[in-house]
Every structure is written in structure tokens, then in C-alpha cells.
PDB file of all heavy atoms in Angstrom:
ATOM      1  N   ASP A   1      31.003 -53.869 -42.996  1.00  0.00           N
ATOM      2  CA  ASP A   1      29.680 -53.987 -42.523  1.00  0.00           C
ATOM      3  C   ASP A   1      29.623 -53.705 -41.037  1.00  0.00           C
ATOM      4  O   ASP A   1      28.635 -53.021 -40.634  1.00  0.00           O
ATOM      5  CB  ASP A   1      29.171 -55.468 -42.770  1.00  0.00           C
ATOM      6  CG  ASP A   1      28.851 -55.733 -44.169  1.00  0.00           C
ATOM      7  OD1 ASP A   1      28.533 -54.748 -44.886  1.00  0.00           O
ATOM      8  OD2 ASP A   1      28.885 -56.922 -44.641  1.00  0.00           O
ATOM      9  N   LYS A   2      30.587 -54.159 -40.260  1.00  0.00           N
ATOM     10  CA  LYS A   2      30.495 -54.079 -38.862  1.00  0.00           C
ATOM     11  C   LYS A   2      30.685 -52.541 -38.473  1.00  0.00           C
ATOM     12  O   LYS A   2      29.962 -52.114 -37.638  1.00  0.00           O
ATOM     13  CB  LYS A   2      31.698 -54.877 -38.183  1.00  0.00           C
ATOM     14  CG  LYS A   2      31.708 -54.763 -36.700  1.00  0.00           C
ATOM     15  CD  LYS A   2      32.911 -55.627 -36.159  1.00  0.00           C
ATOM     16  CE  LYS A   2      32.928 -55.529 -34.640  1.00  0.00           C
ATOM     17  NZ  LYS A   2      34.020 -56.410 -34.052  1.00  0.00           N
ATOM     18  N   ALA A   3      31.646 -51.885 -39.125  1.00  0.00           N
ATOM     19  CA  ALA A   3      31.870 -50.409 -38.860  1.00  0.00           C
ATOM     20  C   ALA A   3      30.634 -49.594 -39.301  1.00  0.00           C
ATOM     21  O   ALA A   3      30.241 -48.613 -38.559  1.00  0.00           O
ATOM     22  CB  ALA A   3      33.131 -49.934 -39.533  1.00  0.00           C
ATOM     23  N   ARG A   4      30.008 -49.892 -40.471  1.00  0.00           N
ATOM     24  CA  ARG A   4      28.885 -49.121 -40.883  1.00  0.00           C
ATOM     25  C   ARG A   4      27.743 -49.327 -39.968  1.00  0.00           C
ATOM     26  O   ARG A   4      26.943 -48.403 -39.632  1.00  0.00           O
ATOM     27  CB  ARG A   4      28.486 -49.693 -42.262  1.00  0.00           C
ATOM     28  CG  ARG A   4      27.396 -48.792 -42.896  1.00  0.00           C
ATOM     29  CD  ARG A   4      26.890 -49.349 -44.208  1.00  0.00           C
ATOM     30  NE  ARG A   4      26.103 -50.580 -44.097  1.00  0.00           N
ATOM     31  CZ  ARG A   4      26.527 -51.793 -44.367  1.00  0.00           C
ATOM     32  NH1 ARG A   4      27.727 -51.952 -44.762  1.00  0.00           N
ATOM     33  NH2 ARG A   4      25.724 -52.774 -44.227  1.00  0.00           N
ATOM     34  N   LYS A   5      27.579 -50.570 -39.388  1.00  0.00           N
ATOM     35  CA  LYS A   5      26.546 -50.831 -38.476  1.00  0.00           C
ATOM     36  C   LYS A   5      26.629 -49.925 -37.305  1.00  0.00           C
ATOM     37  O   LYS A   5      25.697 -49.281 -36.723  1.00  0.00           O
ATOM     38  CB  LYS A   5      26.591 -52.320 -38.079  1.00  0.00           C
ATOM     39  CG  LYS A   5      25.445 -52.707 -37.072  1.00  0.00           C
ATOM     40  CD  LYS A   5      25.594 -54.272 -36.775  1.00  0.00           C
ATOM     41  CE  LYS A   5      24.446 -54.674 -35.894  1.00  0.00           C
ATOM     42  NZ  LYS A   5      24.478 -56.165 -35.645  1.00  0.00           N
ATOM     43  N   VAL A   6      27.823 -49.783 -36.667  1.00  0.00           N
ATOM     44  CA  VAL A   6      28.073 -48.919 -35.615  1.00  0.00           C
ATOM     45  C   VAL A   6      27.691 -47.429 -35.885  1.00  0.00           C
ATOM     46  O   VAL A   6      27.026 -46.812 -35.049  1.00  0.00           O
ATOM     47  CB  VAL A   6      29.543 -49.018 -35.168  1.00  0.00           C
ATOM     48  CG1 VAL A   6      29.846 -47.955 -34.146  1.00  0.00           C
ATOM     49  CG2 VAL A   6      29.852 -50.419 -34.586  1.00  0.00           C
ATOM     50  N   GLU A   7      28.141 -47.097 -37.048  1.00  0.00           N
ATOM     51  CA  GLU A   7      27.791 -45.623 -37.356  1.00  0.00           C
ATOM     52  C   GLU A   7      26.350 -45.383 -37.670  1.00  0.00           C
ATOM     53  O   GLU A   7      25.739 -44.362 -37.184  1.00  0.00           O
ATOM     54  CB  GLU A   7      28.622 -45.273 -38.599  1.00  0.00           C
ATOM     55  CG  GLU A   7      30.160 -45.179 -38.420  1.00  0.00           C
ATOM     56  CD  GLU A   7      30.474 -44.324 -37.257  1.00  0.00           C
ATOM     57  OE1 GLU A   7      30.029 -43.092 -37.215  1.00  0.00           O
ATOM     58  OE2 GLU A   7      31.310 -44.661 -36.374  1.00  0.00           O
ATOM     59  N   MET A   8      25.602 -46.308 -38.244  1.00  0.00           N
ATOM     60  CA  MET A   8      24.189 -46.147 -38.518  1.00  0.00           C
ATOM     61  C   MET A   8      23.371 -46.095 -37.223  1.00  0.00           C
ATOM     62  O   MET A   8      22.466 -45.374 -37.097  1.00  0.00           O
ATOM     63  CB  MET A   8      23.740 -47.338 -39.452  1.00  0.00           C
ATOM     64  CG  MET A   8      24.267 -47.156 -40.823  1.00  0.00           C
ATOM     65  SD  MET A   8      23.646 -48.514 -41.939  1.00  0.00           S
ATOM     66  CE  MET A   8      21.878 -48.255 -42.032  1.00  0.00           C
ATOM     67  N   LYS A   9      23.860 -46.969 -36.281  1.00  0.00           N
ATOM     68  CA  LYS A   9      23.105 -46.992 -34.948  1.00  0.00           C
ATOM     69  C   LYS A   9      23.370 -45.687 -34.140  1.00  0.00           C
ATOM     70  O   LYS A   9      22.757 -45.532 -33.123  1.00  0.00           O
ATOM     71  CB  LYS A   9      23.464 -48.224 -34.269  1.00  0.00           C
ATOM     72  CG  LYS A   9      22.847 -49.454 -34.911  1.00  0.00           C
ATOM     73  CD  LYS A   9      22.953 -50.706 -34.122  1.00  0.00           C
ATOM     74  CE  LYS A   9      22.168 -51.823 -34.797  1.00  0.00           C
ATOM     75  NZ  LYS A   9      22.115 -53.088 -34.034  1.00  0.00           N
ATOM     76  N   LYS A  10      24.356 -44.866 -34.556  1.00  0.00           N
ATOM     77  CA  LYS A  10      24.471 -43.607 -33.853  1.00  0.00           C
ATOM     78  C   LYS A  10      23.522 -42.559 -34.236  1.00  0.00           C
ATOM     79  O   LYS A  10      23.279 -41.614 -33.573  1.00  0.00           O
ATOM     80  CB  LYS A  10      25.955 -43.052 -34.128  1.00  0.00           C
ATOM     81  CG  LYS A  10      27.101 -43.858 -33.492  1.00  0.00           C
ATOM     82  CD  LYS A  10      28.406 -43.280 -33.812  1.00  0.00           C
ATOM     83  CE  LYS A  10      29.589 -44.093 -33.144  1.00  0.00           C
ATOM     84  NZ  LYS A  10      30.897 -43.549 -33.509  1.00  0.00           N
ATOM     85  N   VAL A  11      22.906 -42.783 -35.519  1.00  0.00           N
ATOM     86  CA  VAL A  11      22.074 -41.719 -36.057  1.00  0.00           C
ATOM     87  C   VAL A  11      20.587 -42.252 -36.172  1.00  0.00           C
ATOM     88  O   VAL A  11      19.681 -41.452 -36.268  1.00  0.00           O
ATOM     89  CB  VAL A  11      22.538 -41.211 -37.431  1.00  0.00           C
ATOM     90  CG1 VAL A  11      23.826 -40.419 -37.223  1.00  0.00           C
ATOM     91  CG2 VAL A  11      22.627 -42.275 -38.375  1.00  0.00           C
ATOM     92  N   ASN A  12      20.439 -43.510 -35.989  1.00  0.00           N
ATOM     93  CA  ASN A  12      19.097 -44.204 -36.126  1.00  0.00           C
ATOM     94  C   ASN A  12      18.734 -44.746 -34.724  1.00  0.00           C
ATOM     95  O   ASN A  12      19.234 -45.827 -34.357  1.00  0.00           O
ATOM     96  CB  ASN A  12      19.076 -45.312 -37.010  1.00  0.00           C
ATOM     97  CG  ASN A  12      19.248 -44.806 -38.497  1.00  0.00           C
ATOM     98  OD1 ASN A  12      18.636 -43.905 -38.897  1.00  0.00           O
ATOM     99  ND2 ASN A  12      20.150 -45.393 -39.282  1.00  0.00           N
ATOM    100  N   PRO A  13      17.929 -44.048 -33.880  1.00  0.00           N
ATOM    101  CA  PRO A  13      17.663 -44.476 -32.550  1.00  0.00           C
ATOM    102  C   PRO A  13      16.837 -45.757 -32.566  1.00  0.00           C
ATOM    103  O   PRO A  13      16.118 -46.065 -33.522  1.00  0.00           O
ATOM    104  CB  PRO A  13      16.753 -43.274 -32.004  1.00  0.00           C
ATOM    105  CG  PRO A  13      16.220 -42.709 -33.237  1.00  0.00           C
ATOM    106  CD  PRO A  13      17.310 -42.745 -34.295  1.00  0.00           C
ATOM    107  N   LYS A  14      17.015 -46.544 -31.504  1.00  0.00           N
ATOM    108  CA  LYS A  14      16.263 -47.680 -31.269  1.00  0.00           C
ATOM    109  C   LYS A  14      14.839 -47.424 -30.521  1.00  0.00           C
ATOM    110  O   LYS A  14      13.882 -48.004 -30.864  1.00  0.00           O
ATOM    111  CB  LYS A  14      16.943 -48.733 -30.568  1.00  0.00           C
ATOM    112  CG  LYS A  14      16.218 -50.101 -30.374  1.00  0.00           C
ATOM    113  CD  LYS A  14      17.092 -51.215 -29.771  1.00  0.00           C
ATOM    114  CE  LYS A  14      16.375 -52.540 -29.718  1.00  0.00           C
ATOM    115  NZ  LYS A  14      17.131 -53.628 -29.227  1.00  0.00           N
ATOM    116  N   TYR A  15      15.008 -46.435 -29.669  1.00  0.00           N
ATOM    117  CA  TYR A  15      13.904 -46.070 -28.888  1.00  0.00           C
ATOM    118  C   TYR A  15      13.470 -44.656 -29.045  1.00  0.00           C
ATOM    119  O   TYR A  15      14.305 -43.706 -28.788  1.00  0.00           O
ATOM    120  CB  TYR A  15      14.107 -46.441 -27.427  1.00  0.00           C
ATOM    121  CG  TYR A  15      14.517 -47.791 -27.092  1.00  0.00           C
ATOM    122  CD1 TYR A  15      15.725 -48.201 -26.949  1.00  0.00           C
ATOM    123  CD2 TYR A  15      13.508 -48.805 -27.123  1.00  0.00           C
ATOM    124  CE1 TYR A  15      16.135 -49.486 -26.690  1.00  0.00           C
ATOM    125  CE2 TYR A  15      13.845 -50.189 -26.903  1.00  0.00           C
ATOM    126  CZ  TYR A  15      15.186 -50.441 -26.672  1.00  0.00           C
ATOM    127  OH  TYR A  15      15.522 -51.832 -26.473  1.00  0.00           O
ATOM    128  N   VAL A  16      12.270 -44.357 -29.362  1.00  0.00           N
ATOM    129  CA  VAL A  16      11.722 -42.953 -29.314  1.00  0.00           C
ATOM    130  C   VAL A  16      10.432 -42.964 -28.523  1.00  0.00           C
ATOM    131  O   VAL A  16       9.795 -43.983 -28.256  1.00  0.00           O
ATOM    132  CB  VAL A  16      11.467 -42.409 -30.733  1.00  0.00           C
ATOM    133  CG1 VAL A  16      12.738 -42.300 -31.574  1.00  0.00           C
ATOM    134  CG2 VAL A  16      10.448 -43.321 -31.502  1.00  0.00           C
ATOM    135  N   LEU A  17       9.918 -41.803 -28.208  1.00  0.00           N
ATOM    136  CA  LEU A  17       8.693 -41.730 -27.409  1.00  0.00           C
ATOM    137  C   LEU A  17       7.468 -41.951 -28.325  1.00  0.00           C
ATOM    138  O   LEU A  17       6.765 -40.906 -28.677  1.00  0.00           O
ATOM    139  CB  LEU A  17       8.597 -40.424 -26.656  1.00  0.00           C
ATOM    140  CG  LEU A  17       7.468 -40.241 -25.730  1.00  0.00           C
ATOM    141  CD1 LEU A  17       7.400 -41.292 -24.616  1.00  0.00           C
ATOM    142  CD2 LEU A  17       7.441 -38.818 -25.183  1.00  0.00           C
ATOM    143  N   ARG A  18       7.204 -43.121 -28.648  1.00  0.00           N
ATOM    144  CA  ARG A  18       6.004 -43.427 -29.508  1.00  0.00           C
ATOM    145  C   ARG A  18       4.741 -42.926 -28.784  1.00  0.00           C
ATOM    146  O   ARG A  18       4.724 -42.917 -27.560  1.00  0.00           O
ATOM    147  CB  ARG A  18       6.005 -44.937 -29.793  1.00  0.00           C
ATOM    148  CG  ARG A  18       7.117 -45.432 -30.604  1.00  0.00           C
ATOM    149  CD  ARG A  18       7.084 -47.028 -30.739  1.00  0.00           C
ATOM    150  NE  ARG A  18       8.161 -47.461 -31.713  1.00  0.00           N
ATOM    151  CZ  ARG A  18       8.102 -47.552 -32.969  1.00  0.00           C
ATOM    152  NH1 ARG A  18       7.015 -47.191 -33.581  1.00  0.00           N
ATOM    153  NH2 ARG A  18       9.026 -48.042 -33.655  1.00  0.00           N
ATOM    154  N   ASN A  19       3.800 -42.662 -29.584  1.00  0.00           N
ATOM    155  CA  ASN A  19       2.498 -42.094 -29.085  1.00  0.00           C
ATOM    156  C   ASN A  19       1.879 -43.052 -28.051  1.00  0.00           C
ATOM    157  O   ASN A  19       1.331 -42.552 -26.999  1.00  0.00           O
ATOM    158  CB  ASN A  19       1.566 -41.742 -30.195  1.00  0.00           C
ATOM    159  CG  ASN A  19       2.304 -40.956 -31.251  1.00  0.00           C
ATOM    160  OD1 ASN A  19       2.900 -39.938 -30.935  1.00  0.00           O
ATOM    161  ND2 ASN A  19       2.130 -41.315 -32.512  1.00  0.00           N
ATOM    162  N   TYR A  20       1.867 -44.328 -28.328  1.00  0.00           N
ATOM    163  CA  TYR A  20       1.229 -45.216 -27.362  1.00  0.00           C
ATOM    164  C   TYR A  20       1.985 -45.306 -26.085  1.00  0.00           C
ATOM    165  O   TYR A  20       1.377 -45.587 -24.977  1.00  0.00           O
ATOM    166  CB  TYR A  20       1.034 -46.584 -28.010  1.00  0.00           C
ATOM    167  CG  TYR A  20       2.265 -47.524 -27.939  1.00  0.00           C
ATOM    168  CD1 TYR A  20       2.478 -48.382 -26.865  1.00  0.00           C
ATOM    169  CD2 TYR A  20       3.292 -47.526 -28.871  1.00  0.00           C
ATOM    170  CE1 TYR A  20       3.587 -49.217 -26.772  1.00  0.00           C
ATOM    171  CE2 TYR A  20       4.302 -48.302 -28.850  1.00  0.00           C
ATOM    172  CZ  TYR A  20       4.528 -49.190 -27.788  1.00  0.00           C
ATOM    173  OH  TYR A  20       5.643 -49.968 -27.703  1.00  0.00           O
ATOM    174  N   MET A  21       3.312 -45.172 -26.199  1.00  0.00           N
ATOM    175  CA  MET A  21       4.154 -45.239 -24.877  1.00  0.00           C
ATOM    176  C   MET A  21       3.736 -44.133 -23.932  1.00  0.00           C
ATOM    177  O   MET A  21       3.518 -44.287 -22.733  1.00  0.00           O
ATOM    178  CB  MET A  21       5.629 -45.223 -25.249  1.00  0.00           C
ATOM    179  CG  MET A  21       6.096 -46.385 -26.042  1.00  0.00           C
ATOM    180  SD  MET A  21       7.560 -46.152 -26.944  1.00  0.00           S
ATOM    181  CE  MET A  21       8.760 -45.895 -25.599  1.00  0.00           C
ATOM    182  N   ALA A  22       3.628 -42.840 -24.559  1.00  0.00           N
ATOM    183  CA  ALA A  22       3.321 -41.683 -23.702  1.00  0.00           C
ATOM    184  C   ALA A  22       1.888 -41.843 -23.108  1.00  0.00           C
ATOM    185  O   ALA A  22       1.608 -41.607 -21.969  1.00  0.00           O
ATOM    186  CB  ALA A  22       3.284 -40.437 -24.536  1.00  0.00           C
ATOM    187  N   GLN A  23       0.896 -42.482 -23.906  1.00  0.00           N
ATOM    188  CA  GLN A  23      -0.422 -42.694 -23.480  1.00  0.00           C
ATOM    189  C   GLN A  23      -0.456 -43.729 -22.258  1.00  0.00           C
ATOM    190  O   GLN A  23      -1.300 -43.579 -21.379  1.00  0.00           O
ATOM    191  CB  GLN A  23      -1.321 -43.081 -24.589  1.00  0.00           C
ATOM    192  CG  GLN A  23      -2.789 -43.123 -24.242  1.00  0.00           C
ATOM    193  CD  GLN A  23      -3.274 -41.758 -23.832  1.00  0.00           C
ATOM    194  OE1 GLN A  23      -2.989 -40.811 -24.497  1.00  0.00           O
ATOM    195  NE2 GLN A  23      -4.000 -41.644 -22.784  1.00  0.00           N
ATOM    196  N   LEU A  24       0.358 -44.836 -22.416  1.00  0.00           N
ATOM    197  CA  LEU A  24       0.425 -45.742 -21.265  1.00  0.00           C
ATOM    198  C   LEU A  24       0.829 -45.095 -20.026  1.00  0.00           C
ATOM    199  O   LEU A  24       0.343 -45.346 -18.882  1.00  0.00           O
ATOM    200  CB  LEU A  24       1.332 -46.919 -21.707  1.00  0.00           C
ATOM    201  CG  LEU A  24       0.845 -47.898 -22.749  1.00  0.00           C
ATOM    202  CD1 LEU A  24       2.045 -48.861 -23.045  1.00  0.00           C
ATOM    203  CD2 LEU A  24      -0.314 -48.625 -22.188  1.00  0.00           C
ATOM    204  N   ALA A  25       1.818 -44.302 -20.126  1.00  0.00           N
ATOM    205  CA  ALA A  25       2.337 -43.467 -18.949  1.00  0.00           C
ATOM    206  C   ALA A  25       1.225 -42.612 -18.367  1.00  0.00           C
ATOM    207  O   ALA A  25       1.062 -42.493 -17.169  1.00  0.00           O
ATOM    208  CB  ALA A  25       3.589 -42.670 -19.238  1.00  0.00           C
ATOM    209  N   ILE A  26       0.526 -41.966 -19.202  1.00  0.00           N
ATOM    210  CA  ILE A  26      -0.579 -41.031 -18.728  1.00  0.00           C
ATOM    211  C   ILE A  26      -1.690 -41.803 -18.149  1.00  0.00           C
ATOM    212  O   ILE A  26      -2.185 -41.426 -17.079  1.00  0.00           O
ATOM    213  CB  ILE A  26      -1.125 -40.243 -20.002  1.00  0.00           C
ATOM    214  CG1 ILE A  26      -0.081 -39.297 -20.561  1.00  0.00           C
ATOM    215  CG2 ILE A  26      -2.510 -39.559 -19.670  1.00  0.00           C
ATOM    216  CD1 ILE A  26      -0.378 -38.762 -21.921  1.00  0.00           C
TER     217      ILE A  26
END
């Protein structure tokens, strides 16, 4: 479980540029 968690978090980002985030910056 521990090793799989590490590998999954390498391909599944925690942070992306969500649309509302870009709008807040704008």
C-alpha cells in the first residue's frame, strides 16, 4: 500500500491550474 501510494502520487497531481485559480490571479 505504501509503495503504491508513492507511485500513484507521481502520476496524479495534487495541484493543477483550476479555472477559478487563474481567475483569482486575473
